[in-house]
N, C-alpha and C. Protein backbone atom coordinates (compact mmCIF):
# COMPACT_ATOMS: atom_id res chain seq x y z
N MET A 1 34.34 -23.41 9.15
CA MET A 1 33.50 -23.13 7.99
C MET A 1 34.40 -22.76 6.82
N ASN A 2 33.93 -23.12 5.63
CA ASN A 2 34.68 -22.73 4.44
C ASN A 2 34.03 -21.50 3.80
N CYS A 3 34.63 -20.99 2.75
CA CYS A 3 34.15 -19.75 2.12
C CYS A 3 32.72 -19.88 1.61
N LEU A 4 32.40 -21.02 1.01
CA LEU A 4 31.06 -21.21 0.47
C LEU A 4 30.01 -21.16 1.57
N GLU A 5 30.27 -21.84 2.66
CA GLU A 5 29.31 -21.85 3.77
C GLU A 5 29.14 -20.46 4.37
N VAL A 6 30.23 -19.74 4.51
CA VAL A 6 30.17 -18.39 5.08
C VAL A 6 29.40 -17.47 4.15
N ARG A 7 29.66 -17.55 2.86
CA ARG A 7 28.96 -16.66 1.92
C ARG A 7 27.47 -16.99 1.85
N ARG A 8 27.12 -18.25 1.92
CA ARG A 8 25.70 -18.62 1.96
C ARG A 8 25.03 -18.03 3.20
N ALA A 9 25.73 -18.14 4.34
CA ALA A 9 25.17 -17.59 5.59
C ALA A 9 25.03 -16.08 5.48
N LEU A 10 26.02 -15.42 4.89
CA LEU A 10 25.96 -13.96 4.75
C LEU A 10 24.87 -13.53 3.78
N LEU A 11 24.70 -14.27 2.71
CA LEU A 11 23.64 -13.93 1.75
C LEU A 11 22.26 -14.12 2.35
N ALA A 12 22.12 -15.12 3.20
CA ALA A 12 20.82 -15.37 3.83
C ALA A 12 20.48 -14.29 4.85
N GLU A 13 21.47 -13.94 5.68
CA GLU A 13 21.26 -12.94 6.73
C GLU A 13 22.55 -12.15 6.91
N PRO A 14 22.70 -11.04 6.18
CA PRO A 14 23.96 -10.29 6.22
C PRO A 14 24.33 -9.77 7.60
N ARG A 15 23.37 -9.51 8.46
CA ARG A 15 23.67 -8.92 9.78
C ARG A 15 23.84 -9.97 10.87
N ARG A 16 23.44 -11.18 10.64
CA ARG A 16 23.55 -12.22 11.66
C ARG A 16 24.89 -12.94 11.48
N ARG A 17 25.68 -12.94 12.51
CA ARG A 17 27.00 -13.56 12.42
C ARG A 17 27.24 -14.45 13.64
N THR A 18 27.47 -15.70 13.35
CA THR A 18 27.82 -16.64 14.42
C THR A 18 29.31 -16.50 14.71
N SER A 19 29.76 -17.14 15.76
CA SER A 19 31.19 -17.09 16.10
C SER A 19 32.02 -17.77 15.01
N GLU A 20 31.46 -18.80 14.37
CA GLU A 20 32.18 -19.47 13.28
C GLU A 20 32.35 -18.54 12.09
N VAL A 21 31.30 -17.81 11.75
CA VAL A 21 31.36 -16.86 10.63
C VAL A 21 32.36 -15.76 10.96
N GLU A 22 32.29 -15.23 12.16
CA GLU A 22 33.23 -14.17 12.57
C GLU A 22 34.67 -14.65 12.50
N ALA A 23 34.93 -15.87 12.94
CA ALA A 23 36.29 -16.42 12.89
C ALA A 23 36.78 -16.54 11.45
N HIS A 24 35.90 -16.99 10.56
CA HIS A 24 36.29 -17.11 9.16
C HIS A 24 36.54 -15.74 8.55
N LEU A 25 35.69 -14.77 8.85
CA LEU A 25 35.87 -13.42 8.30
C LEU A 25 37.17 -12.78 8.77
N ALA A 26 37.57 -13.08 9.99
CA ALA A 26 38.84 -12.56 10.51
C ALA A 26 40.03 -13.16 9.78
N ALA A 27 39.89 -14.40 9.30
CA ALA A 27 40.99 -15.09 8.64
C ALA A 27 40.98 -14.93 7.12
N CYS A 28 39.83 -14.61 6.51
CA CYS A 28 39.72 -14.59 5.04
C CYS A 28 39.35 -13.18 4.57
N ALA A 29 40.29 -12.52 3.94
CA ALA A 29 40.08 -11.15 3.48
C ALA A 29 39.01 -11.07 2.39
N ARG A 30 38.95 -12.07 1.51
CA ARG A 30 37.96 -12.04 0.41
C ARG A 30 36.54 -12.15 0.97
N CYS A 31 36.33 -13.02 1.92
CA CYS A 31 35.00 -13.13 2.53
C CYS A 31 34.68 -11.89 3.36
N GLY A 32 35.70 -11.29 3.96
CA GLY A 32 35.50 -10.04 4.68
C GLY A 32 35.01 -8.93 3.76
N ALA A 33 35.58 -8.88 2.56
CA ALA A 33 35.14 -7.89 1.57
C ALA A 33 33.71 -8.16 1.13
N VAL A 34 33.37 -9.43 0.94
CA VAL A 34 32.00 -9.79 0.58
C VAL A 34 31.04 -9.37 1.69
N ALA A 35 31.42 -9.63 2.92
CA ALA A 35 30.57 -9.27 4.07
C ALA A 35 30.36 -7.76 4.14
N ALA A 36 31.43 -7.00 3.92
CA ALA A 36 31.31 -5.53 3.95
C ALA A 36 30.41 -5.04 2.84
N GLY A 37 30.55 -5.62 1.64
CA GLY A 37 29.70 -5.24 0.51
C GLY A 37 28.23 -5.56 0.77
N LEU A 38 27.99 -6.71 1.39
CA LEU A 38 26.61 -7.09 1.69
C LEU A 38 25.99 -6.19 2.75
N LEU A 39 26.78 -5.79 3.74
CA LEU A 39 26.27 -4.85 4.75
C LEU A 39 25.93 -3.50 4.12
N GLU A 40 26.79 -3.05 3.20
CA GLU A 40 26.52 -1.78 2.52
C GLU A 40 25.26 -1.89 1.67
N LEU A 41 25.11 -3.00 0.95
CA LEU A 41 23.91 -3.21 0.14
C LEU A 41 22.67 -3.27 1.03
N ASP A 42 22.77 -3.96 2.14
CA ASP A 42 21.64 -4.06 3.07
C ASP A 42 21.25 -2.68 3.60
N ASP A 43 22.24 -1.86 3.90
CA ASP A 43 21.96 -0.48 4.36
C ASP A 43 21.27 0.33 3.27
N ARG A 44 21.73 0.18 2.03
CA ARG A 44 21.13 0.93 0.92
C ARG A 44 19.70 0.50 0.67
N ILE A 45 19.44 -0.78 0.78
CA ILE A 45 18.07 -1.29 0.61
C ILE A 45 17.16 -0.75 1.70
N ALA A 46 17.66 -0.77 2.95
CA ALA A 46 16.87 -0.25 4.07
C ALA A 46 16.59 1.24 3.89
N GLU A 47 17.58 1.98 3.41
CA GLU A 47 17.39 3.41 3.19
C GLU A 47 16.38 3.67 2.08
N ALA A 48 16.45 2.89 1.01
CA ALA A 48 15.52 3.07 -0.11
C ALA A 48 14.10 2.70 0.29
N ALA A 49 13.97 1.74 1.18
CA ALA A 49 12.64 1.28 1.60
C ALA A 49 11.99 2.20 2.62
N SER A 50 12.77 3.04 3.27
CA SER A 50 12.20 3.90 4.30
C SER A 50 11.89 5.28 3.74
N ILE A 51 10.87 5.33 2.90
CA ILE A 51 10.42 6.59 2.33
C ILE A 51 9.23 7.09 3.15
N PRO A 52 9.06 8.37 3.24
CA PRO A 52 7.92 8.88 4.02
C PRO A 52 6.59 8.61 3.30
N ALA A 53 5.58 8.34 4.08
CA ALA A 53 4.25 8.11 3.51
C ALA A 53 3.65 9.44 3.08
N PRO A 54 2.94 9.45 1.94
CA PRO A 54 2.30 10.69 1.50
C PRO A 54 1.26 11.17 2.50
N ASP A 55 0.98 12.47 2.47
CA ASP A 55 -0.03 13.04 3.36
C ASP A 55 -1.38 12.40 3.09
N ALA A 56 -2.12 12.17 4.14
CA ALA A 56 -3.49 11.65 4.09
C ALA A 56 -3.58 10.26 3.45
N LEU A 57 -2.51 9.50 3.49
CA LEU A 57 -2.54 8.15 2.92
C LEU A 57 -3.55 7.27 3.65
N ALA A 58 -3.56 7.34 4.95
CA ALA A 58 -4.50 6.52 5.73
C ALA A 58 -5.94 6.86 5.37
N ASP A 59 -6.24 8.14 5.18
CA ASP A 59 -7.61 8.53 4.82
C ASP A 59 -7.99 7.97 3.45
N ARG A 60 -7.06 8.02 2.50
CA ARG A 60 -7.35 7.49 1.16
C ARG A 60 -7.56 5.98 1.20
N ILE A 61 -6.79 5.29 2.01
CA ILE A 61 -6.94 3.83 2.11
C ILE A 61 -8.29 3.50 2.72
N LEU A 62 -8.67 4.21 3.78
CA LEU A 62 -9.95 3.95 4.43
C LEU A 62 -11.12 4.26 3.51
N LEU A 63 -11.02 5.34 2.73
CA LEU A 63 -12.08 5.67 1.78
C LEU A 63 -12.20 4.61 0.70
N ALA A 64 -11.08 4.11 0.22
CA ALA A 64 -11.10 3.08 -0.82
C ALA A 64 -11.72 1.80 -0.28
N ARG A 65 -11.46 1.48 0.97
CA ARG A 65 -12.04 0.28 1.57
C ARG A 65 -13.55 0.40 1.70
N GLU A 66 -14.06 1.61 1.93
CA GLU A 66 -15.50 1.81 2.08
C GLU A 66 -16.22 1.69 0.74
N ARG A 67 -15.57 2.04 -0.34
CA ARG A 67 -16.22 2.03 -1.65
C ARG A 67 -16.30 0.63 -2.26
N ARG A 68 -15.39 -0.23 -1.95
CA ARG A 68 -15.35 -1.55 -2.58
C ARG A 68 -16.62 -2.38 -2.41
N PRO A 69 -17.19 -2.48 -1.20
CA PRO A 69 -18.39 -3.31 -1.08
C PRO A 69 -19.52 -2.83 -1.97
N ARG A 70 -19.68 -1.53 -2.13
CA ARG A 70 -20.73 -1.02 -3.01
C ARG A 70 -20.51 -1.47 -4.45
N LEU A 71 -19.27 -1.41 -4.90
CA LEU A 71 -18.97 -1.86 -6.26
C LEU A 71 -19.24 -3.34 -6.41
N ARG A 72 -18.92 -4.12 -5.40
CA ARG A 72 -19.18 -5.56 -5.47
C ARG A 72 -20.67 -5.84 -5.56
N TYR A 73 -21.45 -5.13 -4.75
CA TYR A 73 -22.90 -5.33 -4.79
C TYR A 73 -23.47 -4.91 -6.14
N ALA A 74 -22.99 -3.82 -6.68
CA ALA A 74 -23.47 -3.36 -7.99
C ALA A 74 -23.10 -4.37 -9.07
N ALA A 75 -21.90 -4.90 -9.00
CA ALA A 75 -21.48 -5.90 -9.99
C ALA A 75 -22.31 -7.17 -9.86
N ALA A 76 -22.57 -7.60 -8.63
CA ALA A 76 -23.39 -8.80 -8.42
C ALA A 76 -24.80 -8.58 -8.92
N ALA A 77 -25.36 -7.40 -8.69
CA ALA A 77 -26.71 -7.10 -9.18
C ALA A 77 -26.75 -7.10 -10.70
N ALA A 78 -25.73 -6.54 -11.33
CA ALA A 78 -25.68 -6.52 -12.79
C ALA A 78 -25.61 -7.94 -13.35
N VAL A 79 -24.84 -8.79 -12.72
CA VAL A 79 -24.74 -10.19 -13.17
C VAL A 79 -26.09 -10.89 -13.00
N LEU A 80 -26.76 -10.68 -11.88
CA LEU A 80 -28.06 -11.31 -11.65
C LEU A 80 -29.10 -10.82 -12.65
N ILE A 81 -29.13 -9.54 -12.92
CA ILE A 81 -30.09 -9.00 -13.88
C ILE A 81 -29.82 -9.56 -15.27
N THR A 82 -28.55 -9.62 -15.66
CA THR A 82 -28.19 -10.17 -16.97
C THR A 82 -28.57 -11.63 -17.06
N ALA A 83 -28.34 -12.39 -15.99
CA ALA A 83 -28.69 -13.81 -15.99
C ALA A 83 -30.21 -13.99 -16.08
N ALA A 84 -30.95 -13.17 -15.33
CA ALA A 84 -32.41 -13.27 -15.36
C ALA A 84 -32.95 -12.94 -16.75
N LEU A 85 -32.42 -11.90 -17.36
CA LEU A 85 -32.85 -11.57 -18.72
C LEU A 85 -32.49 -12.67 -19.71
N GLY A 86 -31.33 -13.28 -19.51
CA GLY A 86 -30.94 -14.40 -20.36
C GLY A 86 -31.88 -15.57 -20.24
N VAL A 87 -32.32 -15.86 -19.02
CA VAL A 87 -33.27 -16.96 -18.79
C VAL A 87 -34.61 -16.64 -19.42
N ILE A 88 -35.08 -15.40 -19.24
CA ILE A 88 -36.38 -15.01 -19.80
C ILE A 88 -36.36 -15.10 -21.32
N VAL A 89 -35.34 -14.56 -21.94
CA VAL A 89 -35.25 -14.60 -23.40
C VAL A 89 -34.97 -16.02 -23.88
N GLY A 90 -34.14 -16.75 -23.15
CA GLY A 90 -33.79 -18.11 -23.55
C GLY A 90 -34.95 -19.08 -23.45
N THR A 91 -35.88 -18.87 -22.54
CA THR A 91 -37.02 -19.77 -22.39
C THR A 91 -38.19 -19.35 -23.26
N ASP A 92 -37.99 -18.32 -24.03
CA ASP A 92 -39.00 -17.86 -24.98
C ASP A 92 -40.27 -17.38 -24.31
N LEU A 93 -40.17 -16.85 -23.09
CA LEU A 93 -41.32 -16.27 -22.42
C LEU A 93 -41.69 -14.93 -23.05
N VAL A 94 -40.72 -14.29 -23.65
CA VAL A 94 -40.94 -13.01 -24.29
C VAL A 94 -40.47 -13.15 -25.73
N ASP A 95 -41.32 -12.74 -26.69
CA ASP A 95 -40.86 -12.83 -28.08
C ASP A 95 -39.96 -11.65 -28.39
N THR A 96 -39.42 -11.60 -29.58
CA THR A 96 -38.44 -10.57 -29.93
C THR A 96 -39.04 -9.18 -29.95
N ALA A 97 -40.37 -9.07 -30.07
CA ALA A 97 -41.02 -7.77 -30.06
C ALA A 97 -41.29 -7.29 -28.62
N GLY A 98 -41.07 -8.16 -27.65
CA GLY A 98 -41.27 -7.80 -26.27
C GLY A 98 -42.65 -8.08 -25.76
N VAL A 99 -43.49 -8.82 -26.50
CA VAL A 99 -44.84 -9.14 -26.06
C VAL A 99 -44.84 -10.55 -25.51
N SER A 100 -45.47 -10.73 -24.37
CA SER A 100 -45.50 -12.04 -23.72
C SER A 100 -46.39 -13.00 -24.48
N ARG A 101 -45.95 -14.22 -24.70
CA ARG A 101 -46.75 -15.24 -25.38
C ARG A 101 -47.65 -15.97 -24.41
N HIS A 102 -47.25 -15.98 -23.16
CA HIS A 102 -48.01 -16.72 -22.16
C HIS A 102 -48.69 -15.73 -21.24
N GLY A 103 -49.89 -15.95 -21.01
CA GLY A 103 -50.43 -15.23 -19.97
C GLY A 103 -51.45 -14.27 -20.09
């Protein structure tokens, strides 16, 4: 393997090393330095990503999931009422004073 191939492999998966990659790293100091830097960066990313979850996070998520369907139903009802009123006013069943012309 050449330097470009080794660096591509390291960038794709810094912790996975084939025997070819290992052989190249043993022979090439510059690629060895790149590999060490990538392992350090990978460790720092893993450390930054492993933050503790706030207290009662699961409870807040479950409560939020329970509220959403109600909001969806309320929004759907509002749209239906608005559409119905639009049809009634648009078909001139009710005049602007609110008195029915038909009936």
